[in-house]
Amino acid sequence: MKDYHHIWLQWAKMLHRWGFDRLGYLLLAEFGSLAILLAQGIYLVEPMLQPHKARETLRALGELLEDEGNRDWFAHLLEEQGRTML
C-alpha cells in the first residue's frame, strides 16, 4: 500500500479553499459501506487511464474510500483545515 497522504492533504486544502470542506466531511461520514463499492469501481476504471498522474490520483481516491482508517484520517484533516482558518 502506497502512502497518499500528500495527495489527500492537497485535496483537503483545495476543498477548504473552495468552501466544500464541511460537505466533504459529511459525505465521508455518510458513505459507510457504499465507499467500498465506490473504491472497487475506481479500481476497475483506473487501468484504462493513460497518464500516470491521473492513475495515481484515482488510486489515491480508491485507497481513501476503501479503508475506514483512511477515511477517518481525511475527515480529521478536513476538520483541522477548518480550524486553522478560524
PDB file of N, CA and C in Angstrom:
ATOM      1  N   MET A   1       0.836  -1.178   0.000  1.00  0.00           N
ATOM      2  CA  MET A   1       0.000   0.000   0.000  1.00  0.00           C
ATOM      3  C   MET A   1       0.882   1.243   0.000  1.00  0.00           C
ATOM      4  N   LYS A   2       0.645   2.121  -0.933  1.00  0.00           N
ATOM      5  CA  LYS A   2       1.414   3.350  -1.064  1.00  0.00           C
ATOM      6  C   LYS A   2       0.824   4.429  -0.152  1.00  0.00           C
ATOM      7  N   ASP A   3       1.680   5.358   0.244  1.00  0.00           N
ATOM      8  CA  ASP A   3       1.243   6.463   1.096  1.00  0.00           C
ATOM      9  C   ASP A   3       0.761   7.616   0.220  1.00  0.00           C
ATOM     10  N   TYR A   4      -0.508   7.949   0.330  1.00  0.00           N
ATOM     11  CA  TYR A   4      -1.104   9.016  -0.467  1.00  0.00           C
ATOM     12  C   TYR A   4      -1.429  10.250   0.373  1.00  0.00           C
ATOM     13  N   HIS A   5      -0.836  10.370   1.531  1.00  0.00           N
ATOM     14  CA  HIS A   5      -1.156  11.488   2.412  1.00  0.00           C
ATOM     15  C   HIS A   5      -0.886  12.843   1.751  1.00  0.00           C
ATOM     16  N   HIS A   6       0.144  12.922   0.927  1.00  0.00           N
ATOM     17  CA  HIS A   6       0.449  14.206   0.270  1.00  0.00           C
ATOM     18  C   HIS A   6      -0.673  14.615  -0.684  1.00  0.00           C
ATOM     19  N   ILE A   7      -1.280  13.656  -1.363  1.00  0.00           N
ATOM     20  CA  ILE A   7      -2.394  13.955  -2.267  1.00  0.00           C
ATOM     21  C   ILE A   7      -3.625  14.333  -1.462  1.00  0.00           C
ATOM     22  N   TRP A   8      -3.887  13.586  -0.391  1.00  0.00           N
ATOM     23  CA  TRP A   8      -5.065  13.869   0.439  1.00  0.00           C
ATOM     24  C   TRP A   8      -4.955  15.240   1.097  1.00  0.00           C
ATOM     25  N   LEU A   9      -3.753  15.625   1.478  1.00  0.00           N
ATOM     26  CA  LEU A   9      -3.554  16.949   2.068  1.00  0.00           C
ATOM     27  C   LEU A   9      -3.868  18.038   1.037  1.00  0.00           C
ATOM     28  N   GLN A  10      -3.450  17.848  -0.209  1.00  0.00           N
ATOM     29  CA  GLN A  10      -3.773  18.807  -1.270  1.00  0.00           C
ATOM     30  C   GLN A  10      -5.286  18.897  -1.473  1.00  0.00           C
ATOM     31  N   TRP A  11      -5.970  17.744  -1.447  1.00  0.00           N
ATOM     32  CA  TRP A  11      -7.419  17.733  -1.611  1.00  0.00           C
ATOM     33  C   TRP A  11      -8.098  18.478  -0.475  1.00  0.00           C
ATOM     34  N   ALA A  12      -7.640  18.237   0.756  1.00  0.00           N
ATOM     35  CA  ALA A  12      -8.243  18.897   1.909  1.00  0.00           C
ATOM     36  C   ALA A  12      -8.079  20.411   1.806  1.00  0.00           C
ATOM     37  N   LYS A  13      -6.912  20.855   1.404  1.00  0.00           N
ATOM     38  CA  LYS A  13      -6.672  22.299   1.246  1.00  0.00           C
ATOM     39  C   LYS A  13      -7.554  22.873   0.141  1.00  0.00           C
ATOM     40  N   MET A  14      -7.676  22.141  -0.964  1.00  0.00           N
ATOM     41  CA  MET A  14      -8.492  22.599  -2.073  1.00  0.00           C
ATOM     42  C   MET A  14      -9.967  22.674  -1.662  1.00  0.00           C
ATOM     43  N   LEU A  15     -10.471  21.643  -0.991  1.00  0.00           N
ATOM     44  CA  LEU A  15     -11.860  21.642  -0.547  1.00  0.00           C
ATOM     45  C   LEU A  15     -12.130  22.800   0.413  1.00  0.00           C
ATOM     46  N   HIS A  16     -11.183  23.053   1.293  1.00  0.00           N
ATOM     47  CA  HIS A  16     -11.356  24.165   2.232  1.00  0.00           C
ATOM     48  C   HIS A  16     -11.344  25.504   1.499  1.00  0.00           C
ATOM     49  N   ARG A  17     -10.435  25.668   0.560  1.00  0.00           N
ATOM     50  CA  ARG A  17     -10.339  26.903  -0.207  1.00  0.00           C
ATOM     51  C   ARG A  17     -11.631  27.182  -0.961  1.00  0.00           C
ATOM     52  N   TRP A  18     -12.258  26.144  -1.480  1.00  0.00           N
ATOM     53  CA  TRP A  18     -13.500  26.295  -2.237  1.00  0.00           C
ATOM     54  C   TRP A  18     -14.733  26.326  -1.342  1.00  0.00           C
ATOM     55  N   GLY A  19     -14.546  26.068  -0.047  1.00  0.00           N
ATOM     56  CA  GLY A  19     -15.666  26.093   0.884  1.00  0.00           C
ATOM     57  C   GLY A  19     -16.466  24.798   0.930  1.00  0.00           C
ATOM     58  N   PHE A  20     -15.868  23.705   0.465  1.00  0.00           N
ATOM     59  CA  PHE A  20     -16.550  22.416   0.444  1.00  0.00           C
ATOM     60  C   PHE A  20     -16.016  21.443   1.495  1.00  0.00           C
ATOM     61  N   ASP A  21     -15.229  21.927   2.438  1.00  0.00           N
ATOM     62  CA  ASP A  21     -14.642  21.026   3.429  1.00  0.00           C
ATOM     63  C   ASP A  21     -15.710  20.379   4.304  1.00  0.00           C
ATOM     64  N   ARG A  22     -16.719  21.127   4.711  1.00  0.00           N
ATOM     65  CA  ARG A  22     -17.796  20.557   5.546  1.00  0.00           C
ATOM     66  C   ARG A  22     -18.612  19.536   4.755  1.00  0.00           C
ATOM     67  N   LEU A  23     -18.870  19.842   3.489  1.00  0.00           N
ATOM     68  CA  LEU A  23     -19.594  18.901   2.636  1.00  0.00           C
ATOM     69  C   LEU A  23     -18.793  17.611   2.461  1.00  0.00           C
ATOM     70  N   GLY A  24     -17.502  17.736   2.226  1.00  0.00           N
ATOM     71  CA  GLY A  24     -16.649  16.556   2.117  1.00  0.00           C
ATOM     72  C   GLY A  24     -16.659  15.731   3.383  1.00  0.00           C
ATOM     73  N   TYR A  25     -16.612  16.411   4.520  1.00  0.00           N
ATOM     74  CA  TYR A  25     -16.646  15.720   5.818  1.00  0.00           C
ATOM     75  C   TYR A  25     -17.962  14.954   5.973  1.00  0.00           C
ATOM     76  N   LEU A  26     -19.079  15.593   5.648  1.00  0.00           N
ATOM     77  CA  LEU A  26     -20.383  14.939   5.776  1.00  0.00           C
ATOM     78  C   LEU A  26     -20.515  13.758   4.823  1.00  0.00           C
ATOM     79  N   LEU A  27     -20.042  13.916   3.591  1.00  0.00           N
ATOM     80  CA  LEU A  27     -20.126  12.813   2.632  1.00  0.00           C
ATOM     81  C   LEU A  27     -19.307  11.608   3.088  1.00  0.00           C
ATOM     82  N   LEU A  28     -18.122  11.864   3.592  1.00  0.00           N
ATOM     83  CA  LEU A  28     -17.299  10.753   4.082  1.00  0.00           C
ATOM     84  C   LEU A  28     -17.978  10.041   5.242  1.00  0.00           C
ATOM     85  N   ALA A  29     -18.612  10.806   6.103  1.00  0.00           N
ATOM     86  CA  ALA A  29     -19.292  10.212   7.259  1.00  0.00           C
ATOM     87  C   ALA A  29     -20.502   9.386   6.829  1.00  0.00           C
ATOM     88  N   GLU A  30     -21.160   9.801   5.753  1.00  0.00           N
ATOM     89  CA  GLU A  30     -22.387   9.135   5.315  1.00  0.00           C
ATOM     90  C   GLU A  30     -22.164   7.988   4.330  1.00  0.00           C
ATOM     91  N   PHE A  31     -21.005   7.917   3.711  1.00  0.00           N
ATOM     92  CA  PHE A  31     -20.768   6.870   2.718  1.00  0.00           C
ATOM     93  C   PHE A  31     -20.888   5.468   3.293  1.00  0.00           C
ATOM     94  N   GLY A  32     -20.280   5.222   4.432  1.00  0.00           N
ATOM     95  CA  GLY A  32     -20.352   3.906   5.056  1.00  0.00           C
ATOM     96  C   GLY A  32     -19.865   2.813   4.116  1.00  0.00           C
ATOM     97  N   SER A  33     -20.657   1.757   3.974  1.00  0.00           N
ATOM     98  CA  SER A  33     -20.293   0.609   3.142  1.00  0.00           C
ATOM     99  C   SER A  33     -20.270   0.952   1.658  1.00  0.00           C
ATOM    100  N   LEU A  34     -20.991   1.974   1.272  1.00  0.00           N
ATOM    101  CA  LEU A  34     -21.002   2.389  -0.124  1.00  0.00           C
ATOM    102  C   LEU A  34     -19.612   2.832  -0.588  1.00  0.00           C
ATOM    103  N   ALA A  35     -18.811   3.334   0.328  1.00  0.00           N
ATOM    104  CA  ALA A  35     -17.469   3.789  -0.009  1.00  0.00           C
ATOM    105  C   ALA A  35     -16.621   2.647  -0.572  1.00  0.00           C
ATOM    106  N   ILE A  36     -16.779   1.462  -0.022  1.00  0.00           N
ATOM    107  CA  ILE A  36     -16.014   0.305  -0.505  1.00  0.00           C
ATOM    108  C   ILE A  36     -16.427  -0.042  -1.936  1.00  0.00           C
ATOM    109  N   LEU A  37     -17.720   0.027  -2.222  1.00  0.00           N
ATOM    110  CA  LEU A  37     -18.188  -0.239  -3.585  1.00  0.00           C
ATOM    111  C   LEU A  37     -17.676   0.825  -4.560  1.00  0.00           C
ATOM    112  N   LEU A  38     -17.675   2.076  -4.141  1.00  0.00           N
ATOM    113  CA  LEU A  38     -17.138   3.140  -4.982  1.00  0.00           C
ATOM    114  C   LEU A  38     -15.647   2.920  -5.262  1.00  0.00           C
ATOM    115  N   ALA A  39     -14.918   2.498  -4.241  1.00  0.00           N
ATOM    116  CA  ALA A  39     -13.483   2.230  -4.414  1.00  0.00           C
ATOM    117  C   ALA A  39     -13.267   1.111  -5.433  1.00  0.00           C
ATOM    118  N   GLN A  40     -14.075   0.073  -5.374  1.00  0.00           N
ATOM    119  CA  GLN A  40     -13.925  -1.031  -6.322  1.00  0.00           C
ATOM    120  C   GLN A  40     -14.203  -0.565  -7.747  1.00  0.00           C
ATOM    121  N   GLY A  41     -15.184   0.307  -7.914  1.00  0.00           N
ATOM    122  CA  GLY A  41     -15.463   0.875  -9.235  1.00  0.00           C
ATOM    123  C   GLY A  41     -14.295   1.691  -9.746  1.00  0.00           C
ATOM    124  N   ILE A  42     -13.660   2.436  -8.856  1.00  0.00           N
ATOM    125  CA  ILE A  42     -12.490   3.234  -9.226  1.00  0.00           C
ATOM    126  C   ILE A  42     -11.351   2.330  -9.664  1.00  0.00           C
ATOM    127  N   TYR A  43     -11.138   1.239  -8.944  1.00  0.00           N
ATOM    128  CA  TYR A  43     -10.063   0.311  -9.309  1.00  0.00           C
ATOM    129  C   TYR A  43     -10.327  -0.335 -10.673  1.00  0.00           C
ATOM    130  N   LEU A  44     -11.590  -0.496 -11.022  1.00  0.00           N
ATOM    131  CA  LEU A  44     -11.934  -1.057 -12.327  1.00  0.00           C
ATOM    132  C   LEU A  44     -11.577  -0.099 -13.468  1.00  0.00           C
ATOM    133  N   VAL A  45     -11.810   1.181 -13.269  1.00  0.00           N
ATOM    134  CA  VAL A  45     -11.582   2.196 -14.292  1.00  0.00           C
ATOM    135  C   VAL A  45     -10.110   2.586 -14.393  1.00  0.00           C
ATOM    136  N   GLU A  46      -9.407   2.514 -13.295  1.00  0.00           N
ATOM    137  CA  GLU A  46      -8.028   3.016 -13.219  1.00  0.00           C
ATOM    138  C   GLU A  46      -7.102   2.523 -14.335  1.00  0.00           C
ATOM    139  N   PRO A  47      -7.071   1.238 -14.672  1.00  0.00           N
ATOM    140  CA  PRO A  47      -6.125   0.786 -15.708  1.00  0.00           C
ATOM    141  C   PRO A  47      -6.396   1.373 -17.095  1.00  0.00           C
ATOM    142  N   MET A  48      -7.585   1.903 -17.316  1.00  0.00           N
ATOM    143  CA  MET A  48      -7.929   2.459 -18.627  1.00  0.00           C
ATOM    144  C   MET A  48      -7.356   3.861 -18.834  1.00  0.00           C
ATOM    145  N   LEU A  49      -6.884   4.493 -17.783  1.00  0.00           N
ATOM    146  CA  LEU A  49      -6.353   5.850 -17.896  1.00  0.00           C
ATOM    147  C   LEU A  49      -4.891   5.812 -18.290  1.00  0.00           C
ATOM    148  N   GLN A  50      -4.516   6.686 -19.200  1.00  0.00           N
ATOM    149  CA  GLN A  50      -3.153   6.699 -19.700  1.00  0.00           C
ATOM    150  C   GLN A  50      -2.164   7.484 -18.847  1.00  0.00           C
ATOM    151  N   PRO A  51      -2.415   8.754 -18.572  1.00  0.00           N
ATOM    152  CA  PRO A  51      -1.396   9.491 -17.806  1.00  0.00           C
ATOM    153  C   PRO A  51      -1.214   8.891 -16.415  1.00  0.00           C
ATOM    154  N   HIS A  52       0.036   8.690 -16.059  1.00  0.00           N
ATOM    155  CA  HIS A  52       0.335   8.097 -14.755  1.00  0.00           C
ATOM    156  C   HIS A  52      -0.231   8.936 -13.614  1.00  0.00           C
ATOM    157  N   LYS A  53      -0.181  10.250 -13.754  1.00  0.00           N
ATOM    158  CA  LYS A  53      -0.671  11.150 -12.708  1.00  0.00           C
ATOM    159  C   LYS A  53      -2.163  10.933 -12.463  1.00  0.00           C
ATOM    160  N   ALA A  54      -2.937  10.753 -13.527  1.00  0.00           N
ATOM    161  CA  ALA A  54      -4.373  10.504 -13.384  1.00  0.00           C
ATOM    162  C   ALA A  54      -4.620   9.173 -12.685  1.00  0.00           C
ATOM    163  N   ARG A  55      -3.833   8.172 -13.027  1.00  0.00           N
ATOM    164  CA  ARG A  55      -3.990   6.863 -12.386  1.00  0.00           C
ATOM    165  C   ARG A  55      -3.635   6.941 -10.911  1.00  0.00           C
ATOM    166  N   GLU A  56      -2.589   7.690 -10.582  1.00  0.00           N
ATOM    167  CA  GLU A  56      -2.183   7.819  -9.180  1.00  0.00           C
ATOM    168  C   GLU A  56      -3.252   8.548  -8.376  1.00  0.00           C
ATOM    169  N   THR A  57      -3.836   9.582  -8.948  1.00  0.00           N
ATOM    170  CA  THR A  57      -4.881  10.328  -8.259  1.00  0.00           C
ATOM    171  C   THR A  57      -6.102   9.455  -8.041  1.00  0.00           C
ATOM    172  N   LEU A  58      -6.463   8.683  -9.041  1.00  0.00           N
ATOM    173  CA  LEU A  58      -7.606   7.781  -8.907  1.00  0.00           C
ATOM    174  C   LEU A  58      -7.311   6.686  -7.887  1.00  0.00           C
ATOM    175  N   ARG A  59      -6.098   6.174  -7.880  1.00  0.00           N
ATOM    176  CA  ARG A  59      -5.699   5.155  -6.906  1.00  0.00           C
ATOM    177  C   ARG A  59      -5.771   5.736  -5.493  1.00  0.00           C
ATOM    178  N   ALA A  60      -5.360   7.000  -5.336  1.00  0.00           N
ATOM    179  CA  ALA A  60      -5.417   7.661  -4.022  1.00  0.00           C
ATOM    180  C   ALA A  60      -6.859   7.783  -3.553  1.00  0.00           C
ATOM    181  N   LEU A  61      -7.770   8.102  -4.470  1.00  0.00           N
ATOM    182  CA  LEU A  61      -9.185   8.186  -4.113  1.00  0.00           C
ATOM    183  C   LEU A  61      -9.724   6.813  -3.716  1.00  0.00           C
ATOM    184  N   GLY A  62      -9.339   5.790  -4.467  1.00  0.00           N
ATOM    185  CA  GLY A  62      -9.766   4.433  -4.120  1.00  0.00           C
ATOM    186  C   GLY A  62      -9.271   4.012  -2.750  1.00  0.00           C
ATOM    187  N   GLU A  63      -8.006   4.291  -2.456  1.00  0.00           N
ATOM    188  CA  GLU A  63      -7.437   3.940  -1.146  1.00  0.00           C
ATOM    189  C   GLU A  63      -8.138   4.712  -0.030  1.00  0.00           C
ATOM    190  N   LEU A  64      -8.490   5.955  -0.312  1.00  0.00           N
ATOM    191  CA  LEU A  64      -9.183   6.773   0.682  1.00  0.00           C
ATOM    192  C   LEU A  64     -10.556   6.195   0.997  1.00  0.00           C
ATOM    193  N   LEU A  65     -11.289   5.833  -0.043  1.00  0.00           N
ATOM    194  CA  LEU A  65     -12.644   5.326   0.153  1.00  0.00           C
ATOM    195  C   LEU A  65     -12.673   3.919   0.719  1.00  0.00           C
ATOM    196  N   GLU A  66     -11.711   3.110   0.340  1.00  0.00           N
ATOM    197  CA  GLU A  66     -11.746   1.693   0.713  1.00  0.00           C
ATOM    198  C   GLU A  66     -11.465   1.449   2.194  1.00  0.00           C
ATOM    199  N   ASP A  67     -10.598   2.222   2.772  1.00  0.00           N
ATOM    200  CA  ASP A  67     -10.144   1.960   4.138  1.00  0.00           C
ATOM    201  C   ASP A  67     -10.774   2.945   5.123  1.00  0.00           C
ATOM    202  N   GLU A  68     -11.439   2.424   6.125  1.00  0.00           N
ATOM    203  CA  GLU A  68     -12.100   3.279   7.116  1.00  0.00           C
ATOM    204  C   GLU A  68     -11.105   4.157   7.863  1.00  0.00           C
ATOM    205  N   GLY A  69      -9.931   3.629   8.136  1.00  0.00           N
ATOM    206  CA  GLY A  69      -8.900   4.418   8.805  1.00  0.00           C
ATOM    207  C   GLY A  69      -8.466   5.606   7.966  1.00  0.00           C
ATOM    208  N   ASN A  70      -8.344   5.390   6.648  1.00  0.00           N
ATOM    209  CA  ASN A  70      -8.001   6.488   5.744  1.00  0.00           C
ATOM    210  C   ASN A  70      -9.108   7.522   5.689  1.00  0.00           C
ATOM    211  N   ARG A  71     -10.372   7.065   5.667  1.00  0.00           N
ATOM    212  CA  ARG A  71     -11.494   7.998   5.659  1.00  0.00           C
ATOM    213  C   ARG A  71     -11.515   8.825   6.936  1.00  0.00           C
ATOM    214  N   ASP A  72     -11.266   8.179   8.065  1.00  0.00           N
ATOM    215  CA  ASP A  72     -11.225   8.900   9.339  1.00  0.00           C
ATOM    216  C   ASP A  72     -10.095   9.920   9.354  1.00  0.00           C
ATOM    217  N   TRP A  73      -8.929   9.528   8.834  1.00  0.00           N
ATOM    218  CA  TRP A  73      -7.786  10.436   8.799  1.00  0.00           C
ATOM    219  C   TRP A  73      -8.108  11.652   7.935  1.00  0.00           C
ATOM    220  N   PHE A  74      -8.722  11.428   6.767  1.00  0.00           N
ATOM    221  CA  PHE A  74      -9.044  12.531   5.872  1.00  0.00           C
ATOM    222  C   PHE A  74     -10.120  13.429   6.478  1.00  0.00           C
ATOM    223  N   ALA A  75     -11.106  12.834   7.129  1.00  0.00           N
ATOM    224  CA  ALA A  75     -12.142  13.632   7.798  1.00  0.00           C
ATOM    225  C   ALA A  75     -11.513  14.508   8.872  1.00  0.00           C
ATOM    226  N   HIS A  76     -10.574  13.946   9.614  1.00  0.00           N
ATOM    227  CA  HIS A  76      -9.868  14.734  10.637  1.00  0.00           C
ATOM    228  C   HIS A  76      -9.071  15.857   9.980  1.00  0.00           C
ATOM    229  N   LEU A  77      -8.461  15.566   8.845  1.00  0.00           N
ATOM    230  CA  LEU A  77      -7.694  16.575   8.111  1.00  0.00           C
ATOM    231  C   LEU A  77      -8.604  17.718   7.651  1.00  0.00           C
ATOM    232  N   LEU A  78      -9.785  17.371   7.155  1.00  0.00           N
ATOM    233  CA  LEU A  78     -10.743  18.402   6.751  1.00  0.00           C
ATOM    234  C   LEU A  78     -11.161  19.259   7.934  1.00  0.00           C
ATOM    235  N   GLU A  79     -11.370  18.605   9.057  1.00  0.00           N
ATOM    236  CA  GLU A  79     -11.756  19.333  10.273  1.00  0.00           C
ATOM    237  C   GLU A  79     -10.635  20.281  10.710  1.00  0.00           C
ATOM    238  N   GLU A  80      -9.409  19.817  10.634  1.00  0.00           N
ATOM    239  CA  GLU A  80      -8.255  20.648  11.012  1.00  0.00           C
ATOM    240  C   GLU A  80      -8.098  21.836  10.077  1.00  0.00           C
ATOM    241  N   GLN A  81      -8.352  21.631   8.778  1.00  0.00           N
ATOM    242  CA  GLN A  81      -8.254  22.730   7.819  1.00  0.00           C
ATOM    243  C   GLN A  81      -9.239  23.832   8.189  1.00  0.00           C
ATOM    244  N   GLY A  82     -10.431  23.439   8.621  1.00  0.00           N
ATOM    245  CA  GLY A  82     -11.433  24.419   9.036  1.00  0.00           C
ATOM    246  C   GLY A  82     -11.025  25.175  10.283  1.00  0.00           C
ATOM    247  N   ARG A  83     -10.364  24.505  11.196  1.00  0.00           N
ATOM    248  CA  ARG A  83      -9.938  25.149  12.444  1.00  0.00           C
ATOM    249  C   ARG A  83      -8.793  26.131  12.225  1.00  0.00           C
ATOM    250  N   THR A  84      -7.905  25.822  11.296  1.00  0.00           N
ATOM    251  CA  THR A  84      -6.749  26.693  11.097  1.00  0.00           C
ATOM    252  C   THR A  84      -7.150  28.045  10.512  1.00  0.00           C
ATOM    253  N   MET A  85      -8.299  28.088   9.852  1.00  0.00           N
ATOM    254  CA  MET A  85      -8.724  29.333   9.225  1.00  0.00           C
ATOM    255  C   MET A  85      -9.641  30.165  10.119  1.00  0.00           C
ATOM    256  N   LEU A  86     -10.030  29.659  11.272  1.00  0.00           N
ATOM    257  CA  LEU A  86     -10.896  30.429  12.182  1.00  0.00           C
ATOM    258  C   LEU A  86     -10.148  31.512  12.896  1.00  0.00           C
TER     259      LEU A  86
END
